[in-house]
């Protein structure tokens, strides 16, 4: 069995981070649950978010 070490990087927040935009592309074809995915993204987003459903 192979062991993998994970490193966590601490993100430094600065003034430039305030202008960042998160873009999420959701592939969907007749997906009845896409609204739940969008609601979840909107609830978890901390900044500006752009959601594209294709």
PDB file of N, CA and C in Angstrom:
ATOM      1  N   UNK A   1       0.843  -1.175   0.000  1.00  0.00           N
ATOM      2  CA  UNK A   1       0.000   0.000   0.000  1.00  0.00           C
ATOM      3  C   UNK A   1       0.893   1.245   0.000  1.00  0.00           C
ATOM      4  N   UNK A   2       0.520   2.203  -0.773  1.00  0.00           N
ATOM      5  CA  UNK A   2       1.315   3.413  -0.913  1.00  0.00           C
ATOM      6  C   UNK A   2       0.757   4.533  -0.040  1.00  0.00           C
ATOM      7  N   UNK A   3       1.626   5.197   0.692  1.00  0.00           N
ATOM      8  CA  UNK A   3       1.192   6.305   1.531  1.00  0.00           C
ATOM      9  C   UNK A   3       1.450   7.619   0.806  1.00  0.00           C
ATOM     10  N   UNK A   4       0.491   8.487   0.893  1.00  0.00           N
ATOM     11  CA  UNK A   4       0.614   9.788   0.240  1.00  0.00           C
ATOM     12  C   UNK A   4       0.564  10.862   1.316  1.00  0.00           C
ATOM     13  N   UNK A   5       1.547  11.732   1.305  1.00  0.00           N
ATOM     14  CA  UNK A   5       1.566  12.841   2.255  1.00  0.00           C
ATOM     15  C   UNK A   5       0.848  14.026   1.642  1.00  0.00           C
ATOM     16  N   UNK A   6      -0.002  14.612   2.429  1.00  0.00           N
ATOM     17  CA  UNK A   6      -0.732  15.780   1.956  1.00  0.00           C
ATOM     18  C   UNK A   6      -0.202  17.012   2.670  1.00  0.00           C
ATOM     19  N   UNK A   7       0.036  18.042   1.912  1.00  0.00           N
ATOM     20  CA  UNK A   7       0.472  19.302   2.486  1.00  0.00           C
ATOM     21  C   UNK A   7      -0.639  20.319   2.326  1.00  0.00           C
ATOM     22  N   UNK A   8      -0.897  21.011   3.395  1.00  0.00           N
ATOM     23  CA  UNK A   8      -1.900  22.063   3.338  1.00  0.00           C
ATOM     24  C   UNK A   8      -1.190  23.402   3.296  1.00  0.00           C
ATOM     25  N   UNK A   9      -1.629  24.228   2.385  1.00  0.00           N
ATOM     26  CA  UNK A   9      -1.076  25.568   2.274  1.00  0.00           C
ATOM     27  C   UNK A   9      -2.039  26.545   2.913  1.00  0.00           C
ATOM     28  N   UNK A  10      -1.514  27.393   3.731  1.00  0.00           N
ATOM     29  CA  UNK A  10      -2.353  28.439   4.297  1.00  0.00           C
ATOM     30  C   UNK A  10      -2.427  29.572   3.292  1.00  0.00           C
ATOM     31  N   UNK A  11      -3.622  30.009   3.037  1.00  0.00           N
ATOM     32  CA  UNK A  11      -3.821  31.100   2.095  1.00  0.00           C
ATOM     33  C   UNK A  11      -3.697  32.420   2.831  1.00  0.00           C
ATOM     34  N   UNK A  12      -2.901  33.279   2.289  1.00  0.00           N
ATOM     35  CA  UNK A  12      -2.782  34.616   2.856  1.00  0.00           C
ATOM     36  C   UNK A  12      -3.802  35.508   2.181  1.00  0.00           C
ATOM     37  N   UNK A  13      -4.621  36.122   2.991  1.00  0.00           N
ATOM     38  CA  UNK A  13      -5.621  37.024   2.433  1.00  0.00           C
ATOM     39  C   UNK A  13      -5.037  38.426   2.373  1.00  0.00           C
ATOM     40  N   UNK A  14      -5.223  39.040   1.249  1.00  0.00           N
ATOM     41  CA  UNK A  14      -4.792  40.421   1.113  1.00  0.00           C
ATOM     42  C   UNK A  14      -5.847  41.198   0.344  1.00  0.00           C
ATOM     43  N   UNK A  15      -5.560  42.436   0.085  1.00  0.00           N
ATOM     44  CA  UNK A  15      -6.535  43.300  -0.582  1.00  0.00           C
ATOM     45  C   UNK A  15      -6.883  42.806  -1.981  1.00  0.00           C
ATOM     46  N   UNK A  16      -5.966  42.161  -2.642  1.00  0.00           N
ATOM     47  CA  UNK A  16      -6.213  41.677  -4.000  1.00  0.00           C
ATOM     48  C   UNK A  16      -7.240  40.544  -4.020  1.00  0.00           C
ATOM     49  N   UNK A  17      -7.327  39.777  -2.935  1.00  0.00           N
ATOM     50  CA  UNK A  17      -8.257  38.648  -2.873  1.00  0.00           C
ATOM     51  C   UNK A  17      -9.717  39.083  -2.908  1.00  0.00           C
ATOM     52  N   UNK A  18      -9.999  40.308  -2.524  1.00  0.00           N
ATOM     53  CA  UNK A  18     -11.378  40.778  -2.488  1.00  0.00           C
ATOM     54  C   UNK A  18     -11.997  40.867  -3.876  1.00  0.00           C
ATOM     55  N   UNK A  19     -11.190  41.022  -4.899  1.00  0.00           N
ATOM     56  CA  UNK A  19     -11.692  41.195  -6.257  1.00  0.00           C
ATOM     57  C   UNK A  19     -11.731  39.893  -7.048  1.00  0.00           C
ATOM     58  N   UNK A  20     -11.457  38.786  -6.423  1.00  0.00           N
ATOM     59  CA  UNK A  20     -11.420  37.515  -7.144  1.00  0.00           C
ATOM     60  C   UNK A  20     -12.827  36.982  -7.365  1.00  0.00           C
ATOM     61  N   UNK A  21     -12.984  36.300  -8.469  1.00  0.00           N
ATOM     62  CA  UNK A  21     -14.272  35.744  -8.862  1.00  0.00           C
ATOM     63  C   UNK A  21     -14.121  34.236  -9.011  1.00  0.00           C
ATOM     64  N   UNK A  22     -15.015  33.502  -8.391  1.00  0.00           N
ATOM     65  CA  UNK A  22     -15.044  32.049  -8.531  1.00  0.00           C
ATOM     66  C   UNK A  22     -16.024  31.708  -9.637  1.00  0.00           C
ATOM     67  N   UNK A  23     -15.551  30.994 -10.652  1.00  0.00           N
ATOM     68  CA  UNK A  23     -16.412  30.561 -11.753  1.00  0.00           C
ATOM     69  C   UNK A  23     -16.609  29.056 -11.663  1.00  0.00           C
ATOM     70  N   UNK A  24     -17.866  28.629 -11.695  1.00  0.00           N
ATOM     71  CA  UNK A  24     -18.199  27.210 -11.611  1.00  0.00           C
ATOM     72  C   UNK A  24     -19.031  26.853 -12.831  1.00  0.00           C
ATOM     73  N   UNK A  25     -18.621  25.803 -13.531  1.00  0.00           N
ATOM     74  CA  UNK A  25     -19.371  25.320 -14.688  1.00  0.00           C
ATOM     75  C   UNK A  25     -20.011  23.990 -14.298  1.00  0.00           C
ATOM     76  N   UNK A  26     -21.324  23.924 -14.431  1.00  0.00           N
ATOM     77  CA  UNK A  26     -22.063  22.718 -14.060  1.00  0.00           C
ATOM     78  C   UNK A  26     -22.636  22.084 -15.322  1.00  0.00           C
ATOM     79  N   UNK A  27     -22.126  20.909 -15.702  1.00  0.00           N
ATOM     80  CA  UNK A  27     -22.726  20.219 -16.842  1.00  0.00           C
ATOM     81  C   UNK A  27     -24.065  19.607 -16.420  1.00  0.00           C
ATOM     82  N   UNK A  28     -25.070  19.821 -17.226  1.00  0.00           N
ATOM     83  CA  UNK A  28     -26.394  19.325 -16.855  1.00  0.00           C
ATOM     84  C   UNK A  28     -27.203  19.021 -18.106  1.00  0.00           C
ATOM     85  N   UNK A  29     -27.829  17.882 -18.100  1.00  0.00           N
ATOM     86  CA  UNK A  29     -28.736  17.527 -19.179  1.00  0.00           C
ATOM     87  C   UNK A  29     -29.978  16.937 -18.540  1.00  0.00           C
ATOM     88  N   UNK A  30     -31.034  17.697 -18.542  1.00  0.00           N
ATOM     89  CA  UNK A  30     -32.296  17.277 -17.924  1.00  0.00           C
ATOM     90  C   UNK A  30     -32.078  16.815 -16.482  1.00  0.00           C
ATOM     91  N   UNK A  31     -31.269  17.574 -15.751  1.00  0.00           N
ATOM     92  CA  UNK A  31     -30.957  17.224 -14.369  1.00  0.00           C
ATOM     93  C   UNK A  31     -31.977  17.852 -13.425  1.00  0.00           C
ATOM     94  N   UNK A  32     -32.803  17.048 -12.788  1.00  0.00           N
ATOM     95  CA  UNK A  32     -33.833  17.604 -11.907  1.00  0.00           C
ATOM     96  C   UNK A  32     -33.267  18.161 -10.600  1.00  0.00           C
ATOM     97  N   UNK A  33     -32.010  17.859 -10.282  1.00  0.00           N
ATOM     98  CA  UNK A  33     -31.425  18.299  -9.019  1.00  0.00           C
ATOM     99  C   UNK A  33     -30.433  19.450  -9.170  1.00  0.00           C
ATOM    100  N   UNK A  34     -30.371  20.053 -10.340  1.00  0.00           N
ATOM    101  CA  UNK A  34     -29.388  21.112 -10.559  1.00  0.00           C
ATOM    102  C   UNK A  34     -29.644  22.306  -9.637  1.00  0.00           C
ATOM    103  N   UNK A  35     -30.883  22.553  -9.280  1.00  0.00           N
ATOM    104  CA  UNK A  35     -31.179  23.680  -8.389  1.00  0.00           C
ATOM    105  C   UNK A  35     -30.576  23.472  -7.001  1.00  0.00           C
ATOM    106  N   UNK A  36     -30.485  22.227  -6.544  1.00  0.00           N
ATOM    107  CA  UNK A  36     -29.860  21.948  -5.252  1.00  0.00           C
ATOM    108  C   UNK A  36     -28.360  22.226  -5.301  1.00  0.00           C
ATOM    109  N   UNK A  37     -27.739  21.899  -6.418  1.00  0.00           N
ATOM    110  CA  UNK A  37     -26.318  22.165  -6.593  1.00  0.00           C
ATOM    111  C   UNK A  37     -26.053  23.661  -6.571  1.00  0.00           C
ATOM    112  N   UNK A  38     -26.876  24.418  -7.274  1.00  0.00           N
ATOM    113  CA  UNK A  38     -26.716  25.872  -7.320  1.00  0.00           C
ATOM    114  C   UNK A  38     -26.933  26.476  -5.935  1.00  0.00           C
ATOM    115  N   UNK A  39     -27.966  26.055  -5.239  1.00  0.00           N
ATOM    116  CA  UNK A  39     -28.227  26.555  -3.886  1.00  0.00           C
ATOM    117  C   UNK A  39     -27.059  26.261  -2.951  1.00  0.00           C
ATOM    118  N   UNK A  40     -26.496  25.065  -3.058  1.00  0.00           N
ATOM    119  CA  UNK A  40     -25.366  24.688  -2.219  1.00  0.00           C
ATOM    120  C   UNK A  40     -24.152  25.566  -2.503  1.00  0.00           C
ATOM    121  N   UNK A  41     -23.883  25.818  -3.775  1.00  0.00           N
ATOM    122  CA  UNK A  41     -22.764  26.685  -4.142  1.00  0.00           C
ATOM    123  C   UNK A  41     -22.959  28.099  -3.615  1.00  0.00           C
ATOM    124  N   UNK A  42     -24.152  28.628  -3.749  1.00  0.00           N
ATOM    125  CA  UNK A  42     -24.426  29.984  -3.283  1.00  0.00           C
ATOM    126  C   UNK A  42     -24.313  30.092  -1.764  1.00  0.00           C
ATOM    127  N   UNK A  43     -24.703  29.058  -1.055  1.00  0.00           N
ATOM    128  CA  UNK A  43     -24.614  29.074   0.405  1.00  0.00           C
ATOM    129  C   UNK A  43     -23.181  28.956   0.911  1.00  0.00           C
ATOM    130  N   UNK A  44     -22.318  28.295   0.150  1.00  0.00           N
ATOM    131  CA  UNK A  44     -20.942  28.074   0.584  1.00  0.00           C
ATOM    132  C   UNK A  44     -19.967  29.133   0.079  1.00  0.00           C
ATOM    133  N   UNK A  45     -20.345  29.876  -0.927  1.00  0.00           N
ATOM    134  CA  UNK A  45     -19.448  30.872  -1.506  1.00  0.00           C
ATOM    135  C   UNK A  45     -19.252  32.027  -0.536  1.00  0.00           C
ATOM    136  N   UNK A  46     -18.008  32.481  -0.422  1.00  0.00           N
ATOM    137  CA  UNK A  46     -17.715  33.587   0.480  1.00  0.00           C
ATOM    138  C   UNK A  46     -17.472  34.895  -0.260  1.00  0.00           C
ATOM    139  N   UNK A  47     -17.289  34.828  -1.543  1.00  0.00           N
ATOM    140  CA  UNK A  47     -17.051  36.024  -2.338  1.00  0.00           C
ATOM    141  C   UNK A  47     -17.954  36.031  -3.548  1.00  0.00           C
ATOM    142  N   UNK A  48     -17.485  36.709  -4.583  1.00  0.00           N
ATOM    143  CA  UNK A  48     -18.272  36.742  -5.816  1.00  0.00           C
ATOM    144  C   UNK A  48     -18.196  35.388  -6.508  1.00  0.00           C
ATOM    145  N   UNK A  49     -19.319  34.971  -7.059  1.00  0.00           N
ATOM    146  CA  UNK A  49     -19.373  33.667  -7.722  1.00  0.00           C
ATOM    147  C   UNK A  49     -20.147  33.792  -9.028  1.00  0.00           C
ATOM    148  N   UNK A  50     -19.667  33.082 -10.023  1.00  0.00           N
ATOM    149  CA  UNK A  50     -20.322  33.024 -11.326  1.00  0.00           C
ATOM    150  C   UNK A  50     -20.640  31.555 -11.575  1.00  0.00           C
ATOM    151  N   UNK A  51     -21.914  31.252 -11.810  1.00  0.00           N
ATOM    152  CA  UNK A  51     -22.329  29.870 -12.046  1.00  0.00           C
ATOM    153  C   UNK A  51     -22.863  29.762 -13.465  1.00  0.00           C
ATOM    154  N   UNK A  52     -22.278  28.842 -14.228  1.00  0.00           N
ATOM    155  CA  UNK A  52     -22.692  28.617 -15.609  1.00  0.00           C
ATOM    156  C   UNK A  52     -23.204  27.186 -15.713  1.00  0.00           C
ATOM    157  N   UNK A  53     -24.450  27.032 -16.121  1.00  0.00           N
ATOM    158  CA  UNK A  53     -25.038  25.702 -16.295  1.00  0.00           C
ATOM    159  C   UNK A  53     -25.154  25.444 -17.790  1.00  0.00           C
ATOM    160  N   UNK A  54     -24.510  24.367 -18.232  1.00  0.00           N
ATOM    161  CA  UNK A  54     -24.550  24.019 -19.663  1.00  0.00           C
ATOM    162  C   UNK A  54     -25.115  22.636 -19.856  1.00  0.00           C
TER     163      UNK A  54
END
